[in-house]
N, C-alpha and C. Protein backbone atom coordinates (compact mmCIF):
# COMPACT_ATOMS: atom_id res chain seq x y z
N MET A 1 11.95 -55.44 -10.63
CA MET A 1 10.94 -55.02 -9.69
C MET A 1 11.56 -54.14 -8.60
N GLU A 2 12.84 -54.35 -8.36
CA GLU A 2 13.52 -53.61 -7.29
C GLU A 2 13.46 -52.09 -7.51
N LYS A 3 13.59 -51.66 -8.76
CA LYS A 3 13.54 -50.22 -9.03
C LYS A 3 12.17 -49.64 -8.68
N TYR A 4 11.11 -50.42 -8.85
CA TYR A 4 9.77 -49.95 -8.48
C TYR A 4 9.63 -49.88 -6.96
N TYR A 5 10.13 -50.91 -6.28
CA TYR A 5 10.08 -50.90 -4.81
C TYR A 5 10.79 -49.68 -4.24
N LYS A 6 11.98 -49.41 -4.75
CA LYS A 6 12.76 -48.28 -4.24
C LYS A 6 12.06 -46.95 -4.53
N ALA A 7 11.53 -46.81 -5.72
CA ALA A 7 10.84 -45.57 -6.07
C ALA A 7 9.59 -45.37 -5.22
N VAL A 8 8.84 -46.45 -5.00
CA VAL A 8 7.63 -46.36 -4.17
C VAL A 8 8.01 -46.05 -2.73
N GLU A 9 9.06 -46.68 -2.21
CA GLU A 9 9.50 -46.38 -0.86
C GLU A 9 9.87 -44.91 -0.73
N ASN A 10 10.61 -44.39 -1.70
CA ASN A 10 11.02 -42.99 -1.65
C ASN A 10 9.85 -42.02 -1.73
N LYS A 11 8.84 -42.39 -2.46
CA LYS A 11 7.69 -41.49 -2.68
C LYS A 11 6.57 -41.73 -1.67
N ILE A 12 6.13 -42.96 -1.54
CA ILE A 12 4.94 -43.28 -0.75
C ILE A 12 5.24 -43.36 0.74
N CYS A 13 6.29 -44.06 1.11
CA CYS A 13 6.55 -44.30 2.53
C CYS A 13 6.75 -43.01 3.31
N LYS A 14 7.29 -42.00 2.67
CA LYS A 14 7.51 -40.72 3.35
C LYS A 14 6.20 -40.03 3.71
N MET A 15 5.14 -40.31 2.97
CA MET A 15 3.86 -39.65 3.22
C MET A 15 2.84 -40.58 3.90
N CYS A 16 3.19 -41.84 4.03
CA CYS A 16 2.25 -42.84 4.52
C CYS A 16 1.88 -42.61 5.99
N ILE A 17 0.62 -42.80 6.30
CA ILE A 17 0.19 -42.63 7.69
C ILE A 17 0.66 -43.79 8.57
N ASP A 18 1.16 -44.85 7.95
CA ASP A 18 1.70 -45.98 8.70
C ASP A 18 3.21 -45.89 8.84
N ALA A 19 3.75 -44.69 8.74
CA ALA A 19 5.20 -44.48 8.86
C ALA A 19 5.48 -43.43 9.92
N ASP A 20 6.69 -43.50 10.45
CA ASP A 20 7.10 -42.47 11.41
C ASP A 20 7.60 -41.24 10.64
N ASN A 21 8.16 -40.29 11.35
CA ASN A 21 8.60 -39.04 10.72
C ASN A 21 9.73 -39.22 9.72
N GLU A 22 10.45 -40.34 9.82
CA GLU A 22 11.55 -40.61 8.89
C GLU A 22 11.10 -41.44 7.70
N GLY A 23 9.84 -41.84 7.68
CA GLY A 23 9.32 -42.66 6.58
C GLY A 23 9.49 -44.14 6.80
N ASP A 24 9.87 -44.52 8.03
CA ASP A 24 10.02 -45.94 8.35
C ASP A 24 8.67 -46.51 8.76
N CYS A 25 8.35 -47.68 8.24
CA CYS A 25 7.07 -48.31 8.48
C CYS A 25 6.91 -48.68 9.96
N VAL A 26 5.74 -48.44 10.50
CA VAL A 26 5.45 -48.77 11.90
C VAL A 26 4.42 -49.90 12.00
N LEU A 27 4.13 -50.57 10.89
CA LEU A 27 3.21 -51.70 10.93
C LEU A 27 3.84 -52.83 11.76
N THR A 28 3.01 -53.54 12.46
CA THR A 28 3.49 -54.65 13.28
C THR A 28 3.75 -55.88 12.42
N GLU A 29 4.28 -56.93 13.04
CA GLU A 29 4.54 -58.17 12.30
C GLU A 29 3.26 -58.82 11.79
N GLU A 30 2.15 -58.56 12.48
CA GLU A 30 0.87 -59.13 12.06
C GLU A 30 0.23 -58.34 10.91
N GLU A 31 0.70 -57.13 10.72
CA GLU A 31 0.17 -56.27 9.66
C GLU A 31 1.12 -56.31 8.46
N HIS A 32 0.57 -56.10 7.29
CA HIS A 32 1.39 -56.11 6.09
C HIS A 32 1.08 -54.87 5.25
N CYS A 33 2.09 -54.35 4.62
CA CYS A 33 1.91 -53.21 3.73
C CYS A 33 1.34 -53.71 2.41
N ALA A 34 0.12 -53.32 2.13
CA ALA A 34 -0.55 -53.76 0.90
C ALA A 34 0.17 -53.22 -0.33
N VAL A 35 0.76 -52.05 -0.23
CA VAL A 35 1.46 -51.48 -1.38
C VAL A 35 2.63 -52.38 -1.76
N LYS A 36 3.43 -52.76 -0.78
CA LYS A 36 4.58 -53.62 -1.07
C LYS A 36 4.14 -55.03 -1.45
N MET A 37 3.11 -55.52 -0.79
CA MET A 37 2.64 -56.87 -1.05
C MET A 37 2.11 -57.02 -2.48
N TYR A 38 1.39 -56.02 -2.96
CA TYR A 38 0.74 -56.12 -4.26
C TYR A 38 1.42 -55.31 -5.35
N LEU A 39 2.59 -54.75 -5.07
CA LEU A 39 3.26 -53.92 -6.07
C LEU A 39 3.50 -54.64 -7.39
N PRO A 40 3.93 -55.90 -7.41
CA PRO A 40 4.11 -56.56 -8.72
C PRO A 40 2.82 -56.59 -9.55
N GLN A 41 1.70 -56.85 -8.90
CA GLN A 41 0.42 -56.86 -9.63
C GLN A 41 0.05 -55.45 -10.10
N ILE A 42 0.34 -54.46 -9.29
CA ILE A 42 0.02 -53.09 -9.67
C ILE A 42 0.88 -52.66 -10.86
N VAL A 43 2.15 -52.99 -10.83
CA VAL A 43 3.03 -52.68 -11.97
C VAL A 43 2.49 -53.33 -13.24
N GLU A 44 2.08 -54.57 -13.12
CA GLU A 44 1.51 -55.28 -14.28
C GLU A 44 0.24 -54.58 -14.78
N ILE A 45 -0.62 -54.16 -13.86
CA ILE A 45 -1.84 -53.45 -14.24
C ILE A 45 -1.50 -52.17 -15.01
N VAL A 46 -0.55 -51.41 -14.50
CA VAL A 46 -0.16 -50.16 -15.17
C VAL A 46 0.41 -50.46 -16.55
N HIS A 47 1.22 -51.49 -16.65
CA HIS A 47 1.84 -51.81 -17.94
C HIS A 47 0.84 -52.33 -18.97
N LYS A 48 -0.19 -53.02 -18.54
CA LYS A 48 -1.13 -53.55 -19.52
C LYS A 48 -2.33 -52.64 -19.76
N THR A 49 -2.40 -51.52 -19.07
CA THR A 49 -3.46 -50.54 -19.32
C THR A 49 -2.88 -49.51 -20.27
N ASN A 50 -3.38 -49.50 -21.49
CA ASN A 50 -2.76 -48.72 -22.55
C ASN A 50 -3.19 -47.27 -22.62
N ASN A 51 -3.76 -46.77 -21.56
CA ASN A 51 -4.12 -45.34 -21.58
C ASN A 51 -3.79 -44.72 -20.23
N ASP A 52 -3.93 -43.44 -20.15
CA ASP A 52 -3.62 -42.72 -18.91
C ASP A 52 -4.85 -42.49 -18.06
N ASN A 53 -5.94 -43.15 -18.38
CA ASN A 53 -7.18 -42.99 -17.64
C ASN A 53 -7.05 -43.72 -16.30
N LEU A 54 -6.96 -42.96 -15.22
CA LEU A 54 -6.79 -43.55 -13.90
C LEU A 54 -7.96 -44.43 -13.51
N ASP A 55 -9.15 -44.11 -13.99
CA ASP A 55 -10.32 -44.94 -13.69
C ASP A 55 -10.15 -46.36 -14.24
N GLU A 56 -9.53 -46.48 -15.41
CA GLU A 56 -9.28 -47.81 -15.98
C GLU A 56 -8.29 -48.59 -15.12
N HIS A 57 -7.26 -47.91 -14.65
CA HIS A 57 -6.30 -48.54 -13.76
C HIS A 57 -7.00 -48.99 -12.47
N LEU A 58 -7.86 -48.14 -11.95
CA LEU A 58 -8.55 -48.44 -10.70
C LEU A 58 -9.51 -49.62 -10.87
N LYS A 59 -10.21 -49.68 -12.00
CA LYS A 59 -11.09 -50.82 -12.27
C LYS A 59 -10.31 -52.13 -12.28
N LYS A 60 -9.14 -52.10 -12.90
CA LYS A 60 -8.31 -53.31 -12.96
C LYS A 60 -7.76 -53.66 -11.58
N LEU A 61 -7.43 -52.65 -10.79
CA LEU A 61 -6.98 -52.90 -9.42
C LEU A 61 -8.07 -53.62 -8.64
N ARG A 62 -9.29 -53.11 -8.72
CA ARG A 62 -10.42 -53.72 -8.00
C ARG A 62 -10.66 -55.16 -8.47
N ALA A 63 -10.57 -55.38 -9.78
CA ALA A 63 -10.86 -56.70 -10.33
C ALA A 63 -9.74 -57.70 -10.08
N GLU A 64 -8.50 -57.25 -10.09
CA GLU A 64 -7.38 -58.18 -10.03
C GLU A 64 -6.70 -58.27 -8.67
N VAL A 65 -6.74 -57.21 -7.90
CA VAL A 65 -6.07 -57.22 -6.60
C VAL A 65 -7.09 -57.23 -5.48
N CYS A 66 -7.99 -56.28 -5.50
CA CYS A 66 -8.98 -56.18 -4.42
C CYS A 66 -9.87 -57.42 -4.34
N ALA A 67 -10.09 -58.06 -5.45
CA ALA A 67 -10.94 -59.25 -5.48
C ALA A 67 -10.37 -60.38 -4.61
N ASP A 68 -9.06 -60.39 -4.40
CA ASP A 68 -8.43 -61.43 -3.59
C ASP A 68 -8.10 -60.97 -2.17
N CYS A 69 -8.46 -59.76 -1.83
CA CYS A 69 -8.10 -59.20 -0.52
C CYS A 69 -8.98 -59.80 0.59
N ASN A 70 -8.37 -60.09 1.70
CA ASN A 70 -9.08 -60.65 2.86
C ASN A 70 -9.95 -59.63 3.58
N ALA A 71 -9.82 -58.37 3.25
CA ALA A 71 -10.60 -57.32 3.92
C ALA A 71 -12.02 -57.21 3.35
N ARG A 72 -12.29 -57.94 2.29
CA ARG A 72 -13.63 -57.91 1.68
C ARG A 72 -14.55 -58.91 2.38
N ASP A 73 -15.81 -58.51 2.49
CA ASP A 73 -16.78 -59.45 3.05
C ASP A 73 -17.40 -60.27 1.91
N ALA A 74 -18.36 -61.10 2.23
CA ALA A 74 -18.98 -61.99 1.25
C ALA A 74 -19.66 -61.23 0.11
N LYS A 75 -20.07 -60.00 0.37
CA LYS A 75 -20.73 -59.19 -0.65
C LYS A 75 -19.74 -58.33 -1.44
N GLY A 76 -18.46 -58.45 -1.12
CA GLY A 76 -17.45 -57.69 -1.84
C GLY A 76 -17.17 -56.33 -1.25
N LYS A 77 -17.74 -56.05 -0.11
CA LYS A 77 -17.54 -54.76 0.55
C LYS A 77 -16.23 -54.78 1.32
N CYS A 78 -15.43 -53.75 1.19
CA CYS A 78 -14.12 -53.68 1.83
C CYS A 78 -14.17 -52.73 3.02
N HIS A 79 -13.97 -53.27 4.21
CA HIS A 79 -14.00 -52.42 5.40
C HIS A 79 -12.79 -51.49 5.47
N LEU A 80 -11.67 -51.89 4.92
CA LEU A 80 -10.49 -51.02 4.92
C LEU A 80 -10.71 -49.80 4.03
N ARG A 81 -11.24 -50.04 2.85
CA ARG A 81 -11.49 -48.93 1.92
C ARG A 81 -12.55 -47.99 2.47
N GLU A 82 -13.59 -48.55 3.09
CA GLU A 82 -14.65 -47.73 3.66
C GLU A 82 -14.15 -46.84 4.79
N ASP A 83 -13.16 -47.33 5.54
CA ASP A 83 -12.60 -46.56 6.65
C ASP A 83 -11.42 -45.70 6.21
N SER A 84 -11.18 -45.61 4.92
CA SER A 84 -10.01 -44.90 4.37
C SER A 84 -8.72 -45.44 4.96
N ASN A 85 -8.68 -46.76 5.17
CA ASN A 85 -7.53 -47.38 5.79
C ASN A 85 -6.81 -48.33 4.84
N CYS A 86 -7.13 -48.27 3.56
CA CYS A 86 -6.46 -49.10 2.57
C CYS A 86 -5.37 -48.28 1.89
N ALA A 87 -4.12 -48.69 2.10
CA ALA A 87 -3.01 -47.94 1.52
C ALA A 87 -3.05 -47.96 -0.01
N LEU A 88 -3.50 -49.06 -0.59
CA LEU A 88 -3.60 -49.11 -2.05
C LEU A 88 -4.57 -48.06 -2.56
N ASP A 89 -5.71 -47.98 -1.92
CA ASP A 89 -6.72 -47.01 -2.33
C ASP A 89 -6.25 -45.58 -2.06
N ARG A 90 -5.68 -45.36 -0.90
CA ARG A 90 -5.25 -44.03 -0.48
C ARG A 90 -4.16 -43.46 -1.37
N TYR A 91 -3.21 -44.29 -1.77
CA TYR A 91 -2.03 -43.81 -2.51
C TYR A 91 -1.99 -44.27 -3.97
N PHE A 92 -3.08 -44.80 -4.48
CA PHE A 92 -3.06 -45.40 -5.80
C PHE A 92 -2.62 -44.42 -6.89
N THR A 93 -3.12 -43.21 -6.86
CA THR A 93 -2.74 -42.21 -7.87
C THR A 93 -1.24 -41.99 -7.87
N VAL A 94 -0.67 -41.83 -6.70
CA VAL A 94 0.77 -41.59 -6.57
C VAL A 94 1.56 -42.83 -6.98
N ILE A 95 1.05 -44.00 -6.66
CA ILE A 95 1.71 -45.25 -7.05
C ILE A 95 1.78 -45.36 -8.57
N VAL A 96 0.67 -45.10 -9.24
CA VAL A 96 0.64 -45.17 -10.71
C VAL A 96 1.59 -44.14 -11.30
N GLU A 97 1.57 -42.92 -10.79
CA GLU A 97 2.48 -41.88 -11.29
C GLU A 97 3.94 -42.29 -11.09
N THR A 98 4.25 -42.87 -9.96
CA THR A 98 5.62 -43.30 -9.66
C THR A 98 6.06 -44.40 -10.61
N ILE A 99 5.22 -45.37 -10.86
CA ILE A 99 5.54 -46.45 -11.79
C ILE A 99 5.82 -45.88 -13.18
N LYS A 100 4.99 -44.96 -13.62
CA LYS A 100 5.17 -44.36 -14.94
C LYS A 100 6.46 -43.54 -15.02
N LYS A 101 6.82 -42.88 -13.93
CA LYS A 101 8.07 -42.12 -13.91
C LYS A 101 9.28 -43.06 -13.96
N VAL A 102 9.19 -44.18 -13.27
CA VAL A 102 10.28 -45.17 -13.35
C VAL A 102 10.41 -45.66 -14.79
N ASP A 103 9.29 -45.98 -15.41
CA ASP A 103 9.30 -46.48 -16.79
C ASP A 103 9.88 -45.46 -17.77
N SER A 104 9.62 -44.18 -17.52
CA SER A 104 10.09 -43.15 -18.43
C SER A 104 11.52 -42.70 -18.13
N GLY A 105 12.09 -43.26 -17.05
CA GLY A 105 13.46 -42.89 -16.68
C GLY A 105 13.57 -41.61 -15.89
N LYS A 106 12.45 -41.06 -15.45
CA LYS A 106 12.45 -39.82 -14.68
C LYS A 106 12.79 -40.05 -13.21
N ILE A 107 12.78 -41.31 -12.81
CA ILE A 107 13.19 -41.67 -11.43
C ILE A 107 14.29 -42.69 -11.54
């Protein structure tokens, strides 16, 4: 899993809105990086989705990760995603691409 964490840090953290100019996370102790927190589940989703259809990956993310997120209300509505403040949603395409590059040895 460490190789995925390093690759994601090198790719995502540099562009993340929750990072400073050097790519260091500025989230407080009360806040958690959803990308790092859920990366093992995301890697599993990518590995068990046998096609390159990003919509299929996204459906599995919603069903397997978002379903357990505390940001959802009783009706399943996510205030973070609605405010474009969910790092998983914001960077999901890049996360999937990064995982696939690690798997192919390109990273």
